[in-house]
Amino acid sequence: MLVIALFVIVGAWFKRYIIVIPTQLHPNLPIQNVPEYFKFYTPTLIETAITAASFILVLLIITVLAKIFPIVPINDPMHQK
């Protein structure tokens, strides 16, 4: 199992290496003949709002679930008389 696991890890690393390294060696990586506004990305207000809303929604769900299912048990059987 250890040998198989090592082969899997080496294979996964090699796959990532094959995906990343050749693309960085491409001669057109510094963008050429492209408008200036394509080179730098700035998110729009809608994109920023959607991202912020998703984080807020996750926090809201966690808060509601923490109210329904308490994180700290209320009735601790070890301390009951």
N, C-alpha and C. Protein backbone atom coordinates (compact mmCIF):
# COMPACT_ATOMS: atom_id res chain seq x y z
N MET A 1 0.83 -1.20 0.00
CA MET A 1 0.00 0.00 0.00
C MET A 1 0.88 1.26 0.00
N LEU A 2 1.98 1.21 0.74
CA LEU A 2 2.86 2.37 0.79
C LEU A 2 3.44 2.66 -0.58
N VAL A 3 3.86 1.63 -1.29
CA VAL A 3 4.45 1.82 -2.62
C VAL A 3 3.41 2.38 -3.59
N ILE A 4 2.20 1.83 -3.52
CA ILE A 4 1.13 2.33 -4.39
C ILE A 4 0.81 3.78 -4.06
N ALA A 5 0.76 4.13 -2.78
CA ALA A 5 0.49 5.50 -2.37
C ALA A 5 1.58 6.44 -2.88
N LEU A 6 2.83 6.00 -2.81
CA LEU A 6 3.93 6.83 -3.31
C LEU A 6 3.82 7.03 -4.82
N PHE A 7 3.45 5.98 -5.56
CA PHE A 7 3.26 6.11 -6.99
C PHE A 7 2.13 7.08 -7.31
N VAL A 8 1.06 7.03 -6.54
CA VAL A 8 -0.07 7.95 -6.75
C VAL A 8 0.36 9.39 -6.51
N ILE A 9 1.11 9.62 -5.44
CA ILE A 9 1.56 10.98 -5.12
C ILE A 9 2.51 11.49 -6.20
N VAL A 10 3.46 10.65 -6.61
CA VAL A 10 4.40 11.06 -7.66
C VAL A 10 3.67 11.32 -8.97
N GLY A 11 2.69 10.46 -9.29
CA GLY A 11 1.92 10.65 -10.51
C GLY A 11 1.12 11.94 -10.48
N ALA A 12 0.51 12.25 -9.34
CA ALA A 12 -0.27 13.49 -9.21
C ALA A 12 0.64 14.70 -9.35
N TRP A 13 1.84 14.64 -8.73
CA TRP A 13 2.77 15.75 -8.83
C TRP A 13 3.24 15.91 -10.27
N PHE A 14 3.54 14.80 -10.95
CA PHE A 14 4.00 14.85 -12.33
C PHE A 14 2.92 15.41 -13.25
N LYS A 15 1.68 15.04 -13.00
CA LYS A 15 0.57 15.57 -13.79
C LYS A 15 0.47 17.08 -13.65
N ARG A 16 0.58 17.58 -12.43
CA ARG A 16 0.54 19.04 -12.21
C ARG A 16 1.72 19.72 -12.91
N TYR A 17 2.88 19.09 -12.84
CA TYR A 17 4.08 19.64 -13.47
C TYR A 17 3.88 19.74 -14.97
N ILE A 18 3.32 18.69 -15.57
CA ILE A 18 3.09 18.66 -17.02
C ILE A 18 2.07 19.73 -17.42
N ILE A 19 1.10 20.01 -16.56
CA ILE A 19 0.08 21.01 -16.89
C ILE A 19 0.63 22.43 -16.78
N VAL A 20 1.46 22.69 -15.76
CA VAL A 20 1.87 24.07 -15.47
C VAL A 20 3.10 24.51 -16.26
N ILE A 21 4.16 23.73 -16.26
CA ILE A 21 5.43 24.17 -16.81
C ILE A 21 5.39 24.47 -18.31
N PRO A 22 4.84 23.60 -19.17
CA PRO A 22 4.84 23.94 -20.60
C PRO A 22 4.05 25.20 -20.94
N THR A 23 3.00 25.49 -20.19
CA THR A 23 2.24 26.71 -20.49
C THR A 23 3.03 27.96 -20.14
N GLN A 24 3.93 27.87 -19.18
CA GLN A 24 4.74 29.03 -18.83
C GLN A 24 5.88 29.26 -19.82
N LEU A 25 6.21 28.25 -20.61
CA LEU A 25 7.28 28.39 -21.59
C LEU A 25 6.78 28.92 -22.92
N HIS A 26 5.48 29.18 -23.04
CA HIS A 26 4.90 29.65 -24.28
C HIS A 26 5.44 31.05 -24.61
N PRO A 27 5.86 31.29 -25.85
CA PRO A 27 6.48 32.58 -26.17
C PRO A 27 5.53 33.78 -26.12
N ASN A 28 4.23 33.55 -26.20
CA ASN A 28 3.29 34.66 -26.20
C ASN A 28 2.73 34.96 -24.81
N LEU A 29 3.35 34.43 -23.76
CA LEU A 29 2.82 34.67 -22.42
C LEU A 29 2.79 36.16 -22.08
N PRO A 30 3.87 36.94 -22.32
CA PRO A 30 3.67 38.39 -22.16
C PRO A 30 2.68 38.82 -23.25
N ILE A 31 1.54 39.31 -22.85
CA ILE A 31 0.44 39.56 -23.80
C ILE A 31 0.88 40.59 -24.83
N GLN A 32 0.75 40.20 -26.11
CA GLN A 32 1.15 41.07 -27.21
C GLN A 32 -0.06 41.38 -28.09
N ASN A 33 -0.10 42.56 -28.64
CA ASN A 33 -1.16 42.99 -29.56
C ASN A 33 -2.54 42.84 -28.95
N VAL A 34 -2.67 43.19 -27.69
CA VAL A 34 -3.94 43.10 -26.99
C VAL A 34 -4.23 44.48 -26.41
N PRO A 35 -5.47 44.92 -26.44
CA PRO A 35 -5.78 46.24 -25.86
C PRO A 35 -5.36 46.32 -24.39
N GLU A 36 -5.02 47.50 -23.97
CA GLU A 36 -4.51 47.71 -22.61
C GLU A 36 -5.51 47.29 -21.55
N TYR A 37 -6.81 47.50 -21.80
CA TYR A 37 -7.81 47.17 -20.78
C TYR A 37 -8.00 45.65 -20.64
N PHE A 38 -7.44 44.84 -21.52
CA PHE A 38 -7.50 43.38 -21.36
C PHE A 38 -6.43 42.88 -20.41
N LYS A 39 -5.38 43.67 -20.18
CA LYS A 39 -4.23 43.19 -19.41
C LYS A 39 -4.47 43.22 -17.91
N PHE A 40 -5.28 44.12 -17.43
CA PHE A 40 -5.52 44.25 -16.00
C PHE A 40 -7.00 44.07 -15.72
N TYR A 41 -7.30 43.20 -14.76
CA TYR A 41 -8.69 42.91 -14.43
C TYR A 41 -9.10 43.66 -13.18
N THR A 42 -10.20 44.34 -13.24
CA THR A 42 -10.80 44.96 -12.06
C THR A 42 -12.25 44.51 -12.02
N PRO A 43 -12.68 43.96 -10.89
CA PRO A 43 -14.06 43.47 -10.81
C PRO A 43 -15.06 44.62 -10.83
N THR A 44 -16.22 44.34 -11.39
CA THR A 44 -17.28 45.35 -11.42
C THR A 44 -18.00 45.34 -10.08
N LEU A 45 -18.88 46.29 -9.90
CA LEU A 45 -19.65 46.38 -8.66
C LEU A 45 -20.54 45.15 -8.48
N ILE A 46 -21.11 44.66 -9.56
CA ILE A 46 -21.98 43.48 -9.48
C ILE A 46 -21.19 42.25 -9.04
N GLU A 47 -19.99 42.06 -9.61
CA GLU A 47 -19.16 40.91 -9.22
C GLU A 47 -18.76 40.99 -7.75
N THR A 48 -18.41 42.18 -7.29
CA THR A 48 -18.04 42.36 -5.89
C THR A 48 -19.24 42.11 -4.99
N ALA A 49 -20.41 42.57 -5.39
CA ALA A 49 -21.62 42.37 -4.58
C ALA A 49 -22.00 40.89 -4.50
N ILE A 50 -21.87 40.16 -5.60
CA ILE A 50 -22.20 38.73 -5.59
C ILE A 50 -21.24 37.99 -4.67
N THR A 51 -19.95 38.31 -4.73
CA THR A 51 -18.97 37.65 -3.86
C THR A 51 -19.24 37.96 -2.40
N ALA A 52 -19.48 39.22 -2.08
CA ALA A 52 -19.76 39.61 -0.69
C ALA A 52 -21.06 38.96 -0.21
N ALA A 53 -22.07 38.91 -1.07
CA ALA A 53 -23.35 38.31 -0.68
C ALA A 53 -23.20 36.82 -0.39
N SER A 54 -22.34 36.14 -1.14
CA SER A 54 -22.16 34.70 -0.87
C SER A 54 -21.50 34.49 0.49
N PHE A 55 -20.51 35.31 0.85
CA PHE A 55 -19.90 35.19 2.17
C PHE A 55 -20.90 35.52 3.27
N ILE A 56 -21.69 36.57 3.07
CA ILE A 56 -22.70 36.96 4.06
C ILE A 56 -23.75 35.86 4.22
N LEU A 57 -24.15 35.24 3.12
CA LEU A 57 -25.14 34.16 3.19
C LEU A 57 -24.60 32.96 3.96
N VAL A 58 -23.35 32.61 3.76
CA VAL A 58 -22.76 31.50 4.51
C VAL A 58 -22.73 31.82 6.00
N LEU A 59 -22.33 33.03 6.35
CA LEU A 59 -22.32 33.42 7.76
C LEU A 59 -23.73 33.42 8.36
N LEU A 60 -24.72 33.84 7.58
CA LEU A 60 -26.10 33.83 8.05
C LEU A 60 -26.58 32.40 8.29
N ILE A 61 -26.27 31.50 7.36
CA ILE A 61 -26.68 30.11 7.53
C ILE A 61 -26.03 29.49 8.75
N ILE A 62 -24.74 29.75 8.95
CA ILE A 62 -24.05 29.23 10.13
C ILE A 62 -24.67 29.78 11.41
N THR A 63 -25.02 31.06 11.41
CA THR A 63 -25.62 31.67 12.59
C THR A 63 -26.99 31.06 12.89
N VAL A 64 -27.81 30.88 11.87
CA VAL A 64 -29.14 30.29 12.07
C VAL A 64 -29.02 28.85 12.55
N LEU A 65 -28.12 28.08 11.94
CA LEU A 65 -27.94 26.69 12.38
C LEU A 65 -27.38 26.60 13.79
N ALA A 66 -26.55 27.57 14.19
CA ALA A 66 -26.03 27.57 15.56
C ALA A 66 -27.14 27.87 16.56
N LYS A 67 -28.16 28.63 16.14
CA LYS A 67 -29.30 28.89 17.02
C LYS A 67 -30.19 27.66 17.14
N ILE A 68 -30.38 26.95 16.02
CA ILE A 68 -31.25 25.77 16.03
C ILE A 68 -30.57 24.59 16.71
N PHE A 69 -29.32 24.36 16.36
CA PHE A 69 -28.53 23.27 16.94
C PHE A 69 -27.38 23.89 17.72
N PRO A 70 -27.52 24.03 19.03
CA PRO A 70 -26.50 24.72 19.83
C PRO A 70 -25.13 24.05 19.72
N ILE A 71 -24.10 24.87 19.65
CA ILE A 71 -22.73 24.36 19.56
C ILE A 71 -22.31 23.78 20.90
N VAL A 72 -22.62 24.48 21.99
CA VAL A 72 -22.33 24.00 23.33
C VAL A 72 -23.60 23.34 23.86
N PRO A 73 -23.52 22.08 24.29
CA PRO A 73 -24.73 21.41 24.76
C PRO A 73 -25.33 22.11 25.99
N ILE A 74 -26.63 22.26 25.98
CA ILE A 74 -27.31 22.93 27.09
C ILE A 74 -27.49 21.98 28.26
N ASN A 75 -27.92 20.74 27.98
CA ASN A 75 -28.13 19.74 29.02
C ASN A 75 -26.92 18.82 29.04
N ASP A 76 -26.03 19.06 29.97
CA ASP A 76 -24.84 18.23 30.09
C ASP A 76 -25.15 17.07 31.05
N PRO A 77 -25.20 15.83 30.59
CA PRO A 77 -25.56 14.72 31.47
C PRO A 77 -24.53 14.47 32.57
N MET A 78 -23.33 14.92 32.43
CA MET A 78 -22.31 14.69 33.46
C MET A 78 -22.53 15.53 34.70
N HIS A 79 -23.20 16.68 34.56
CA HIS A 79 -23.37 17.56 35.70
C HIS A 79 -24.79 17.57 36.24
N GLN A 80 -25.60 16.63 35.82
CA GLN A 80 -26.97 16.57 36.36
C GLN A 80 -26.95 15.81 37.68
N LYS A 81 -27.88 16.19 38.56
CA LYS A 81 -27.95 15.54 39.87
C LYS A 81 -29.02 14.49 39.90
